Each structure stands twice: as C-alpha cells, then as structure tokens.
Amino acid sequence: MKLATVTLTLSKDGHHVTLHNVTPAELLLLVAEHHTNAGGNPVVKESLVETGDTTKVEVEEDKDDGKGGKTKVKVIKTVTDRTPAEEVARLRMKYAGNKVSALFQGAIPNMPKDFKEAQELGVKTALPSSKLTEFKVA
C-alpha cells in the first residue's frame, strides 16, 4: 500500500495541517471531507510526497526469558500491505464510521489505486453529515 506525507488546507482562511503515512484511501476520505471548506482540492500544491509502501508499527510479543518463563517485549515490525477490509477497519477507528462506510461499501470495497485518483474522486464526493458533529447556536 502506498504511503505519503501531505499538507491539507482545512479552510479558506489558510489553516493547514501536515499528515504522515497517509494511504490513498485515507486521502480520498480527507479530500471528500475538506474540499468544500477549502474551496476545492484541499491538498496544498506540490505538498504530496510519496514516502514508500511500508510503515513501521510497534507490537508486543512474548519472548522466552531463559528461565522457563515468558516476558512481553516491544518489537518494531514493518507492515507492507493491508487488505481493503483491514484498511477500512483502520479508517473507521480513526475517522467517523458513517463517512468511511459511505465511501467504502461492501465486503470488498473499491479502493483508489493511487493518490491522483484519490484526489479526483474526493473532490467529486459529498459525505453524509453526522448528528454528532452538528450543533445549533442559540
């Protein structure tokens, strides 16, 4: 799975955020979420830099302590790919589930192949609003 570092414009007044290890599916979600407030594609021009197709994660594993017991050890592992279902599950943990579900439907959802496709699809997509994010000013 491809990964990139990208800077997004979150509003027309110039609020920017830089994100690391973004996948094409995550970029699609972010562009769909922010293109209206940004006044178009929120990806800052020439800020998207592909960083490769692996990411490092820290996990705990049992290791023999030499005395007949086991101890927990933190290990850095390299993750090279996720299935579409694993990527959707990861995005649901990170972002609003109803928006992720609206973009990636079914048991084997269609995922963008690259970042260009993700941006093009995201600008054309309107995500559902969430009751949790709506509020009224009295």
N, C-alpha and C. Protein backbone atom coordinates (compact mmCIF):
# COMPACT_ATOMS: atom_id res chain seq x y z
N MET A 1 0.84 -1.17 0.00
CA MET A 1 0.00 0.00 0.00
C MET A 1 0.89 1.24 0.00
N LYS A 2 0.58 2.16 -0.85
CA LYS A 2 1.37 3.38 -0.96
C LYS A 2 1.13 4.27 0.24
N LEU A 3 2.16 5.00 0.65
CA LEU A 3 2.08 5.95 1.74
C LEU A 3 2.65 7.29 1.29
N ALA A 4 2.15 8.37 1.89
CA ALA A 4 2.64 9.70 1.52
C ALA A 4 2.55 10.64 2.71
N THR A 5 3.30 11.72 2.61
CA THR A 5 3.16 12.86 3.51
C THR A 5 2.48 13.94 2.70
N VAL A 6 1.47 14.59 3.29
CA VAL A 6 0.68 15.56 2.55
C VAL A 6 0.28 16.71 3.47
N THR A 7 0.18 17.91 2.90
CA THR A 7 -0.33 19.07 3.62
C THR A 7 -1.69 19.42 3.05
N LEU A 8 -2.68 19.57 3.95
CA LEU A 8 -4.05 19.87 3.55
C LEU A 8 -4.45 21.25 4.04
N THR A 9 -5.23 21.96 3.23
CA THR A 9 -5.87 23.20 3.63
C THR A 9 -7.24 22.84 4.18
N LEU A 10 -7.50 23.20 5.43
CA LEU A 10 -8.76 22.81 6.05
C LEU A 10 -9.85 23.88 5.91
N SER A 11 -9.45 25.12 5.60
CA SER A 11 -10.44 26.18 5.43
C SER A 11 -9.89 27.25 4.49
N LYS A 12 -10.78 28.11 4.03
CA LYS A 12 -10.37 29.16 3.09
C LYS A 12 -9.47 30.20 3.74
N ASP A 13 -9.48 30.29 5.08
CA ASP A 13 -8.63 31.27 5.75
C ASP A 13 -7.19 30.79 5.92
N GLY A 14 -6.86 29.63 5.36
CA GLY A 14 -5.48 29.20 5.30
C GLY A 14 -5.00 28.29 6.41
N HIS A 15 -5.90 27.66 7.14
CA HIS A 15 -5.48 26.71 8.18
C HIS A 15 -4.98 25.44 7.51
N HIS A 16 -3.72 25.06 7.77
CA HIS A 16 -3.09 23.90 7.14
C HIS A 16 -2.73 22.86 8.19
N VAL A 17 -2.68 21.61 7.76
CA VAL A 17 -2.22 20.52 8.62
C VAL A 17 -1.41 19.57 7.74
N THR A 18 -0.31 19.06 8.30
CA THR A 18 0.53 18.09 7.58
C THR A 18 0.32 16.72 8.20
N LEU A 19 0.06 15.73 7.37
CA LEU A 19 -0.18 14.37 7.82
C LEU A 19 0.86 13.44 7.21
N HIS A 20 1.28 12.45 7.98
CA HIS A 20 2.29 11.49 7.54
C HIS A 20 1.66 10.10 7.41
N ASN A 21 2.25 9.27 6.56
CA ASN A 21 1.80 7.89 6.34
C ASN A 21 0.32 7.81 5.94
N VAL A 22 -0.08 8.69 5.04
CA VAL A 22 -1.45 8.71 4.52
C VAL A 22 -1.54 7.73 3.35
N THR A 23 -2.58 6.92 3.34
CA THR A 23 -2.81 5.98 2.24
C THR A 23 -3.72 6.64 1.21
N PRO A 24 -3.80 6.11 -0.01
CA PRO A 24 -4.73 6.68 -1.00
C PRO A 24 -6.19 6.69 -0.49
N ALA A 25 -6.61 5.63 0.18
CA ALA A 25 -7.99 5.59 0.70
C ALA A 25 -8.21 6.67 1.76
N GLU A 26 -7.22 6.89 2.60
CA GLU A 26 -7.33 7.93 3.63
C GLU A 26 -7.36 9.31 2.98
N LEU A 27 -6.55 9.50 1.93
CA LEU A 27 -6.55 10.79 1.23
C LEU A 27 -7.90 11.05 0.58
N LEU A 28 -8.50 10.02 0.00
CA LEU A 28 -9.84 10.16 -0.59
C LEU A 28 -10.82 10.67 0.47
N LEU A 29 -10.81 10.07 1.64
CA LEU A 29 -11.70 10.48 2.73
C LEU A 29 -11.43 11.92 3.15
N LEU A 30 -10.16 12.28 3.30
CA LEU A 30 -9.81 13.63 3.72
C LEU A 30 -10.18 14.69 2.69
N VAL A 31 -9.96 14.40 1.42
CA VAL A 31 -10.32 15.35 0.36
C VAL A 31 -11.84 15.50 0.30
N ALA A 32 -12.57 14.39 0.39
CA ALA A 32 -14.04 14.46 0.38
C ALA A 32 -14.56 15.26 1.57
N GLU A 33 -13.91 15.12 2.71
CA GLU A 33 -14.33 15.81 3.93
C GLU A 33 -14.06 17.31 3.88
N HIS A 34 -12.93 17.72 3.29
CA HIS A 34 -12.50 19.11 3.41
C HIS A 34 -12.57 19.94 2.13
N HIS A 35 -12.94 19.36 0.98
CA HIS A 35 -12.89 20.14 -0.26
C HIS A 35 -13.87 21.31 -0.28
N THR A 36 -15.00 21.18 0.39
CA THR A 36 -15.97 22.28 0.41
C THR A 36 -15.44 23.47 1.18
N ASN A 37 -14.91 23.24 2.38
CA ASN A 37 -14.38 24.33 3.21
C ASN A 37 -13.12 24.94 2.63
N ALA A 38 -12.34 24.14 1.90
CA ALA A 38 -11.09 24.64 1.33
C ALA A 38 -11.30 25.37 0.01
N GLY A 39 -12.50 25.27 -0.57
CA GLY A 39 -12.77 25.92 -1.85
C GLY A 39 -12.21 25.14 -3.02
N GLY A 40 -12.19 23.84 -2.93
CA GLY A 40 -11.65 22.98 -3.99
C GLY A 40 -10.76 21.92 -3.37
N ASN A 41 -9.86 21.38 -4.17
CA ASN A 41 -8.97 20.34 -3.67
C ASN A 41 -8.15 20.88 -2.50
N PRO A 42 -8.27 20.26 -1.31
CA PRO A 42 -7.56 20.78 -0.15
C PRO A 42 -6.07 20.44 -0.09
N VAL A 43 -5.58 19.60 -1.01
CA VAL A 43 -4.16 19.24 -1.00
C VAL A 43 -3.36 20.44 -1.48
N VAL A 44 -2.46 20.91 -0.61
CA VAL A 44 -1.61 22.05 -0.97
C VAL A 44 -0.74 21.64 -2.15
N LYS A 45 -0.69 22.50 -3.17
CA LYS A 45 0.02 22.19 -4.41
C LYS A 45 1.45 21.74 -4.13
N GLU A 46 1.82 20.63 -4.73
CA GLU A 46 3.15 20.04 -4.66
C GLU A 46 3.58 19.65 -3.24
N SER A 47 2.62 19.47 -2.32
CA SER A 47 2.99 19.07 -0.96
C SER A 47 2.93 17.56 -0.78
N LEU A 48 2.29 16.85 -1.70
CA LEU A 48 2.15 15.40 -1.58
C LEU A 48 3.45 14.73 -1.99
N VAL A 49 4.09 14.05 -1.04
CA VAL A 49 5.35 13.36 -1.30
C VAL A 49 5.18 11.89 -0.92
N GLU A 50 5.29 11.02 -1.90
CA GLU A 50 5.18 9.60 -1.61
C GLU A 50 6.40 9.17 -0.80
N THR A 51 6.14 8.43 0.28
CA THR A 51 7.22 8.03 1.19
C THR A 51 7.52 6.54 1.10
N GLY A 52 6.81 5.81 0.25
CA GLY A 52 7.07 4.39 0.09
C GLY A 52 5.82 3.56 0.28
N ASP A 53 6.01 2.26 0.46
CA ASP A 53 4.85 1.41 0.67
C ASP A 53 4.97 0.56 1.91
N THR A 54 5.66 1.06 2.92
CA THR A 54 5.73 0.34 4.18
C THR A 54 5.58 1.33 5.33
N THR A 55 5.20 0.81 6.46
CA THR A 55 5.16 1.62 7.67
C THR A 55 5.62 0.75 8.82
N LYS A 56 6.18 1.36 9.83
CA LYS A 56 6.66 0.62 10.99
C LYS A 56 5.64 0.76 12.12
N VAL A 57 5.33 -0.37 12.77
CA VAL A 57 4.41 -0.37 13.89
C VAL A 57 5.07 -1.07 15.07
N GLU A 58 4.71 -0.64 16.27
CA GLU A 58 5.24 -1.26 17.47
C GLU A 58 4.22 -2.24 18.02
N VAL A 59 4.63 -3.48 18.24
CA VAL A 59 3.74 -4.52 18.77
C VAL A 59 4.43 -5.20 19.94
N GLU A 60 3.63 -5.84 20.78
CA GLU A 60 4.18 -6.61 21.89
C GLU A 60 4.16 -8.08 21.54
N GLU A 61 5.27 -8.77 21.82
CA GLU A 61 5.36 -10.20 21.59
C GLU A 61 5.88 -10.88 22.84
N ASP A 62 5.52 -12.15 23.01
CA ASP A 62 6.06 -12.96 24.11
C ASP A 62 7.44 -13.47 23.70
N LYS A 63 8.40 -13.37 24.62
CA LYS A 63 9.75 -13.85 24.34
C LYS A 63 10.21 -14.70 25.53
N ASP A 64 10.88 -15.79 25.24
CA ASP A 64 11.41 -16.67 26.29
C ASP A 64 12.45 -15.89 27.09
N ASP A 65 12.30 -15.87 28.43
CA ASP A 65 13.23 -15.11 29.26
C ASP A 65 14.45 -15.93 29.70
N GLY A 66 14.55 -17.20 29.25
CA GLY A 66 15.69 -18.03 29.58
C GLY A 66 15.56 -18.76 30.91
N LYS A 67 14.49 -18.47 31.64
CA LYS A 67 14.27 -19.11 32.94
C LYS A 67 12.99 -19.95 32.92
N GLY A 68 12.54 -20.31 31.76
CA GLY A 68 11.32 -21.10 31.63
C GLY A 68 10.05 -20.27 31.58
N GLY A 69 10.17 -18.96 31.65
CA GLY A 69 9.01 -18.07 31.59
C GLY A 69 9.03 -17.24 30.32
N LYS A 70 8.03 -16.41 30.20
CA LYS A 70 7.94 -15.52 29.04
C LYS A 70 7.79 -14.09 29.52
N THR A 71 8.33 -13.17 28.76
CA THR A 71 8.18 -11.75 29.04
C THR A 71 7.66 -11.04 27.80
N LYS A 72 6.98 -9.93 28.02
CA LYS A 72 6.48 -9.12 26.91
C LYS A 72 7.60 -8.21 26.43
N VAL A 73 7.81 -8.19 25.13
CA VAL A 73 8.86 -7.38 24.54
C VAL A 73 8.24 -6.54 23.43
N LYS A 74 8.60 -5.26 23.38
CA LYS A 74 8.13 -4.40 22.29
C LYS A 74 9.03 -4.59 21.08
N VAL A 75 8.40 -4.83 19.94
CA VAL A 75 9.13 -5.11 18.71
C VAL A 75 8.60 -4.18 17.62
N ILE A 76 9.49 -3.64 16.81
CA ILE A 76 9.09 -2.82 15.67
C ILE A 76 8.97 -3.75 14.46
N LYS A 77 7.78 -3.78 13.86
CA LYS A 77 7.56 -4.60 12.67
C LYS A 77 7.22 -3.69 11.50
N THR A 78 7.54 -4.15 10.32
CA THR A 78 7.22 -3.41 9.11
C THR A 78 5.97 -4.01 8.47
N VAL A 79 4.98 -3.14 8.23
CA VAL A 79 3.74 -3.56 7.59
C VAL A 79 3.82 -3.11 6.14
N THR A 80 3.69 -4.06 5.21
CA THR A 80 3.85 -3.70 3.80
C THR A 80 2.53 -3.54 3.07
N ASP A 81 1.47 -4.20 3.53
CA ASP A 81 0.21 -4.11 2.81
C ASP A 81 -0.95 -4.44 3.72
N ARG A 82 -2.10 -3.89 3.41
CA ARG A 82 -3.34 -4.22 4.11
C ARG A 82 -4.36 -4.63 3.07
N THR A 83 -5.27 -5.48 3.47
CA THR A 83 -6.39 -5.81 2.59
C THR A 83 -7.35 -4.63 2.63
N PRO A 84 -8.26 -4.51 1.64
CA PRO A 84 -9.24 -3.43 1.70
C PRO A 84 -10.05 -3.45 3.01
N ALA A 85 -10.40 -4.61 3.50
CA ALA A 85 -11.16 -4.70 4.75
C ALA A 85 -10.34 -4.19 5.94
N GLU A 86 -9.05 -4.51 5.97
CA GLU A 86 -8.18 -4.02 7.04
C GLU A 86 -8.02 -2.50 6.98
N GLU A 87 -7.91 -1.95 5.77
CA GLU A 87 -7.78 -0.50 5.61
C GLU A 87 -9.06 0.20 6.05
N VAL A 88 -10.23 -0.34 5.68
CA VAL A 88 -11.50 0.25 6.10
C VAL A 88 -11.62 0.20 7.62
N ALA A 89 -11.24 -0.90 8.23
CA ALA A 89 -11.29 -1.02 9.70
C ALA A 89 -10.37 0.01 10.35
N ARG A 90 -9.19 0.21 9.78
CA ARG A 90 -8.26 1.21 10.32
C ARG A 90 -8.85 2.62 10.21
N LEU A 91 -9.47 2.92 9.07
CA LEU A 91 -10.06 4.24 8.88
C LEU A 91 -11.26 4.46 9.80
N ARG A 92 -12.04 3.42 10.05
CA ARG A 92 -13.19 3.54 10.97
C ARG A 92 -12.74 3.85 12.39
N MET A 93 -11.57 3.35 12.77
CA MET A 93 -11.05 3.63 14.11
C MET A 93 -10.54 5.07 14.21
N LYS A 94 -10.17 5.64 13.08
CA LYS A 94 -9.53 6.96 13.07
C LYS A 94 -10.51 8.10 12.75
N TYR A 95 -11.54 7.81 11.94
CA TYR A 95 -12.47 8.83 11.47
C TYR A 95 -13.92 8.40 11.73
N ALA A 96 -14.86 9.27 11.41
CA ALA A 96 -16.29 8.98 11.62
C ALA A 96 -16.70 7.76 10.79
N GLY A 97 -17.24 6.75 11.46
CA GLY A 97 -17.59 5.49 10.83
C GLY A 97 -18.60 5.63 9.72
N ASN A 98 -19.60 6.54 9.89
CA ASN A 98 -20.62 6.69 8.86
C ASN A 98 -20.04 7.26 7.57
N LYS A 99 -19.02 8.09 7.68
CA LYS A 99 -18.38 8.66 6.48
C LYS A 99 -17.51 7.63 5.78
N VAL A 100 -16.81 6.83 6.56
CA VAL A 100 -15.98 5.75 5.99
C VAL A 100 -16.89 4.74 5.29
N SER A 101 -17.99 4.39 5.94
CA SER A 101 -18.94 3.42 5.36
C SER A 101 -19.57 3.95 4.08
N ALA A 102 -19.83 5.25 4.02
CA ALA A 102 -20.42 5.84 2.82
C ALA A 102 -19.47 5.76 1.64
N LEU A 103 -18.17 5.89 1.89
CA LEU A 103 -17.18 5.84 0.81
C LEU A 103 -16.83 4.42 0.40
N PHE A 104 -16.67 3.55 1.37
CA PHE A 104 -16.17 2.20 1.12
C PHE A 104 -17.23 1.19 1.52
N GLN A 105 -18.07 0.81 0.57
CA GLN A 105 -19.21 -0.05 0.84
C GLN A 105 -18.93 -1.49 0.45
N GLY A 106 -19.57 -2.41 1.14
CA GLY A 106 -19.49 -3.81 0.79
C GLY A 106 -18.35 -4.53 1.48
N ALA A 107 -18.33 -5.84 1.30
CA ALA A 107 -17.30 -6.68 1.93
C ALA A 107 -15.92 -6.44 1.33
N ILE A 108 -15.87 -6.19 0.03
CA ILE A 108 -14.60 -5.90 -0.64
C ILE A 108 -14.76 -4.55 -1.36
N PRO A 109 -14.54 -3.43 -0.62
CA PRO A 109 -14.76 -2.11 -1.21
C PRO A 109 -13.72 -1.75 -2.26
N ASN A 110 -14.12 -0.90 -3.19
CA ASN A 110 -13.19 -0.38 -4.20
C ASN A 110 -12.33 0.69 -3.55
N MET A 111 -11.04 0.54 -3.66
CA MET A 111 -10.10 1.49 -3.09
C MET A 111 -9.35 2.20 -4.21
N PRO A 112 -9.03 3.48 -4.02
CA PRO A 112 -8.23 4.16 -5.05
C PRO A 112 -6.85 3.53 -5.15
N LYS A 113 -6.34 3.45 -6.36
CA LYS A 113 -5.05 2.80 -6.60
C LYS A 113 -3.87 3.73 -6.29
N ASP A 114 -4.09 5.05 -6.50
CA ASP A 114 -3.00 5.99 -6.27
C ASP A 114 -3.57 7.30 -5.74
N PHE A 115 -2.67 8.23 -5.43
CA PHE A 115 -3.07 9.48 -4.80
C PHE A 115 -3.79 10.43 -5.76
N LYS A 116 -3.44 10.39 -7.04
CA LYS A 116 -4.11 11.24 -8.02
C LYS A 116 -5.58 10.84 -8.14
N GLU A 117 -5.83 9.54 -8.25
CA GLU A 117 -7.21 9.04 -8.33
C GLU A 117 -7.98 9.40 -7.06
N ALA A 118 -7.34 9.30 -5.90
CA ALA A 118 -7.98 9.62 -4.63
C ALA A 118 -8.41 11.09 -4.59
N GLN A 119 -7.55 11.98 -5.07
CA GLN A 119 -7.90 13.41 -5.07
C GLN A 119 -9.05 13.69 -6.03
N GLU A 120 -9.01 13.11 -7.22
CA GLU A 120 -10.08 13.34 -8.20
C GLU A 120 -11.43 12.85 -7.68
N LEU A 121 -11.46 11.66 -7.09
CA LEU A 121 -12.70 11.12 -6.54
C LEU A 121 -13.18 11.93 -5.34
N GLY A 122 -12.26 12.34 -4.48
CA GLY A 122 -12.61 13.08 -3.28
C GLY A 122 -13.28 14.40 -3.55
N VAL A 123 -12.81 15.12 -4.57
CA VAL A 123 -13.39 16.42 -4.91
C VAL A 123 -14.83 16.27 -5.43
N LYS A 124 -15.13 15.11 -6.01
CA LYS A 124 -16.47 14.86 -6.57
C LYS A 124 -17.43 14.23 -5.56
N THR A 125 -16.97 13.98 -4.34
CA THR A 125 -17.76 13.23 -3.37
C THR A 125 -18.29 14.13 -2.26
N ALA A 126 -19.55 13.93 -1.92
CA ALA A 126 -20.16 14.61 -0.77
C ALA A 126 -20.42 13.57 0.30
N LEU A 127 -19.87 13.79 1.47
CA LEU A 127 -20.04 12.85 2.57
C LEU A 127 -21.28 13.20 3.39
N PRO A 128 -21.90 12.21 4.03
CA PRO A 128 -23.06 12.50 4.87
C PRO A 128 -22.64 13.27 6.11
N SER A 129 -23.54 14.11 6.62
CA SER A 129 -23.23 14.81 7.86
C SER A 129 -23.58 13.90 9.02
N SER A 130 -22.95 14.13 10.12
CA SER A 130 -23.16 13.30 11.31
C SER A 130 -23.89 14.11 12.36
N LYS A 131 -24.84 13.51 13.02
CA LYS A 131 -25.56 14.19 14.10
C LYS A 131 -24.61 14.57 15.23
N LEU A 132 -23.52 13.82 15.38
CA LEU A 132 -22.56 14.13 16.44
C LEU A 132 -21.77 15.40 16.14
N THR A 133 -21.66 15.77 14.87
CA THR A 133 -20.88 16.95 14.52
C THR A 133 -21.75 18.18 14.28
N GLU A 134 -23.06 18.01 14.29
CA GLU A 134 -23.96 19.14 14.08
C GLU A 134 -24.28 19.79 15.43
N PHE A 135 -24.44 21.11 15.43
CA PHE A 135 -24.86 21.79 16.64
C PHE A 135 -25.61 23.05 16.25
N LYS A 136 -26.41 23.55 17.19
CA LYS A 136 -27.17 24.77 16.94
C LYS A 136 -26.66 25.86 17.89
N VAL A 137 -26.55 27.06 17.37
CA VAL A 137 -26.19 28.20 18.19
C VAL A 137 -27.46 28.92 18.56
N ALA A 138 -27.71 29.02 19.84
CA ALA A 138 -28.97 29.63 20.32
C ALA A 138 -28.81 31.12 20.50
